[in-house]
Amino acid sequence: MTVYRSRNALRGPLTPARIVAVPLALTRRGRRGYQVDDVDALLHRLAYELRERSRERDEARAESRRIKHALRSWQSAEAARRLGYWP
């Protein structure tokens, strides 16, 4: 897995809480730069997307563990049946 490297304060893995908490500097007298509301909306969208990806990853890992456990149980039962230990 590749880690994103940055020269700014967002070093290390990004989390929804870190994205929401990113301080963005305002331009002088507010004449130039991004609209604060637009930037906030983007940050909240990024946090939502990261939460969704994390949830989907966790569900996939749980399903993988469930399938591995079921396969091991089936293999044990099948081996026991073939050896005559299973009724």
C-alpha atoms as a PDB file:
ATOM      1  CA  MET A   1       0.000   0.000   0.000  1.00  0.00           C
ATOM      2  CA  THR A   2       1.330   3.426  -0.953  1.00  0.00           C
ATOM      3  CA  VAL A   3       1.216   6.244   1.562  1.00  0.00           C
ATOM      4  CA  TYR A   4       0.489   9.758   0.324  1.00  0.00           C
ATOM      5  CA  ARG A   5       3.326  12.100   1.254  1.00  0.00           C
ATOM      6  CA  SER A   6       2.692  15.792   1.692  1.00  0.00           C
ATOM      7  CA  ARG A   7       4.734  18.796   2.752  1.00  0.00           C
ATOM      8  CA  ASN A   8       1.845  20.321   4.664  1.00  0.00           C
ATOM      9  CA  ALA A   9       0.256  19.466   8.029  1.00  0.00           C
ATOM     10  CA  LEU A  10      -1.723  16.492   6.674  1.00  0.00           C
ATOM     11  CA  ARG A  11       0.980  13.901   7.121  1.00  0.00           C
ATOM     12  CA  GLY A  12       0.045  10.350   7.987  1.00  0.00           C
ATOM     13  CA  PRO A  13      -3.177   8.499   7.266  1.00  0.00           C
ATOM     14  CA  LEU A  14      -6.264  10.587   6.638  1.00  0.00           C
ATOM     15  CA  THR A  15      -9.306  10.005   8.790  1.00  0.00           C
ATOM     16  CA  PRO A  16     -12.711  11.669   8.606  1.00  0.00           C
ATOM     17  CA  ALA A  17     -12.008  13.559  11.838  1.00  0.00           C
ATOM     18  CA  ARG A  18      -8.680  14.877  10.530  1.00  0.00           C
ATOM     19  CA  ILE A  19     -10.202  16.056   7.247  1.00  0.00           C
ATOM     20  CA  VAL A  20     -13.030  17.897   9.016  1.00  0.00           C
ATOM     21  CA  ALA A  21     -10.517  19.528  11.374  1.00  0.00           C
ATOM     22  CA  VAL A  22      -8.176  20.849   8.651  1.00  0.00           C
ATOM     23  CA  PRO A  23      -7.655  24.577   9.248  1.00  0.00           C
ATOM     24  CA  LEU A  24      -7.776  26.536   5.993  1.00  0.00           C
ATOM     25  CA  ALA A  25      -6.272  29.995   5.946  1.00  0.00           C
ATOM     26  CA  LEU A  26      -8.479  32.839   4.808  1.00  0.00           C
ATOM     27  CA  THR A  27      -7.137  35.290   2.257  1.00  0.00           C
ATOM     28  CA  ARG A  28      -6.622  38.928   3.135  1.00  0.00           C
ATOM     29  CA  ARG A  29      -9.888  40.800   3.385  1.00  0.00           C
ATOM     30  CA  GLY A  30     -11.651  37.863   1.755  1.00  0.00           C
ATOM     31  CA  ARG A  31     -11.163  39.209  -1.775  1.00  0.00           C
ATOM     32  CA  ARG A  32      -9.463  36.232  -3.339  1.00  0.00           C
ATOM     33  CA  GLY A  33      -9.410  32.531  -2.649  1.00  0.00           C
ATOM     34  CA  TYR A  34     -12.015  29.867  -2.172  1.00  0.00           C
ATOM     35  CA  GLN A  35     -15.442  30.352  -0.708  1.00  0.00           C
ATOM     36  CA  VAL A  36     -15.334  29.086   2.854  1.00  0.00           C
ATOM     37  CA  ASP A  37     -18.700  27.324   2.520  1.00  0.00           C
ATOM     38  CA  ASP A  38     -17.538  25.496  -0.632  1.00  0.00           C
ATOM     39  CA  VAL A  39     -14.341  24.320   1.027  1.00  0.00           C
ATOM     40  CA  ASP A  40     -16.258  23.185   4.125  1.00  0.00           C
ATOM     41  CA  ALA A  41     -18.708  21.280   1.928  1.00  0.00           C
ATOM     42  CA  LEU A  42     -15.834  19.572   0.128  1.00  0.00           C
ATOM     43  CA  LEU A  43     -14.166  18.595   3.393  1.00  0.00           C
ATOM     44  CA  HIS A  44     -17.404  17.125   4.728  1.00  0.00           C
ATOM     45  CA  ARG A  45     -17.888  15.226   1.466  1.00  0.00           C
ATOM     46  CA  LEU A  46     -14.359  13.806   1.719  1.00  0.00           C
ATOM     47  CA  ALA A  47     -14.992  12.769   5.316  1.00  0.00           C
ATOM     48  CA  TYR A  48     -18.241  11.060   4.277  1.00  0.00           C
ATOM     49  CA  GLU A  49     -16.500   9.205   1.449  1.00  0.00           C
ATOM     50  CA  LEU A  50     -13.716   8.011   3.745  1.00  0.00           C
ATOM     51  CA  ARG A  51     -16.264   6.802   6.324  1.00  0.00           C
ATOM     52  CA  GLU A  52     -18.123   4.886   3.614  1.00  0.00           C
ATOM     53  CA  ARG A  53     -14.937   3.281   2.285  1.00  0.00           C
ATOM     54  CA  SER A  54     -13.882   2.300   5.792  1.00  0.00           C
ATOM     55  CA  ARG A  55     -17.322   0.799   6.485  1.00  0.00           C
ATOM     56  CA  GLU A  56     -17.277  -1.157   3.224  1.00  0.00           C
ATOM     57  CA  ARG A  57     -13.751  -2.421   3.938  1.00  0.00           C
ATOM     58  CA  ASP A  58     -14.747  -3.533   7.433  1.00  0.00           C
ATOM     59  CA  GLU A  59     -17.811  -5.354   6.059  1.00  0.00           C
ATOM     60  CA  ALA A  60     -15.675  -7.098   3.424  1.00  0.00           C
ATOM     61  CA  ARG A  61     -13.159  -8.198   6.056  1.00  0.00           C
ATOM     62  CA  ALA A  62     -15.939  -9.529   8.295  1.00  0.00           C
ATOM     63  CA  GLU A  63     -17.432 -11.464   5.377  1.00  0.00           C
ATOM     64  CA  SER A  64     -14.007 -12.855   4.515  1.00  0.00           C
ATOM     65  CA  ARG A  65     -13.558 -14.072   8.104  1.00  0.00           C
ATOM     66  CA  ARG A  66     -17.035 -15.644   8.056  1.00  0.00           C
ATOM     67  CA  ILE A  67     -16.312 -17.481   4.795  1.00  0.00           C
ATOM     68  CA  LYS A  68     -12.905 -18.688   6.013  1.00  0.00           C
ATOM     69  CA  HIS A  69     -14.463 -20.022   9.219  1.00  0.00           C
ATOM     70  CA  ALA A  70     -17.244 -21.785   7.288  1.00  0.00           C
ATOM     71  CA  LEU A  71     -14.716 -23.337   4.896  1.00  0.00           C
ATOM     72  CA  ARG A  72     -12.515 -24.579   7.743  1.00  0.00           C
ATOM     73  CA  SER A  73     -15.535 -26.088   9.496  1.00  0.00           C
ATOM     74  CA  TRP A  74     -16.653 -27.776   6.304  1.00  0.00           C
ATOM     75  CA  GLN A  75     -13.139 -29.112   5.637  1.00  0.00           C
ATOM     76  CA  SER A  76     -12.904 -30.529   9.162  1.00  0.00           C
ATOM     77  CA  ALA A  77     -16.313 -32.158   8.903  1.00  0.00           C
ATOM     78  CA  GLU A  78     -15.521 -33.580   5.454  1.00  0.00           C
ATOM     79  CA  ALA A  79     -12.175 -34.981   6.617  1.00  0.00           C
ATOM     80  CA  ALA A  80     -13.811 -36.560   9.668  1.00  0.00           C
ATOM     81  CA  ARG A  81     -16.576 -38.060   7.509  1.00  0.00           C
ATOM     82  CA  ARG A  82     -14.049 -39.581   5.089  1.00  0.00           C
ATOM     83  CA  LEU A  83     -12.078 -41.080   7.938  1.00  0.00           C
ATOM     84  CA  GLY A  84     -15.234 -42.583   9.403  1.00  0.00           C
ATOM     85  CA  TYR A  85     -15.434 -40.343  12.483  1.00  0.00           C
ATOM     86  CA  TRP A  86     -18.615 -38.613  11.342  1.00  0.00           C
ATOM     87  CA  PRO A  87     -21.959 -40.388  11.505  1.00  0.00           C
END
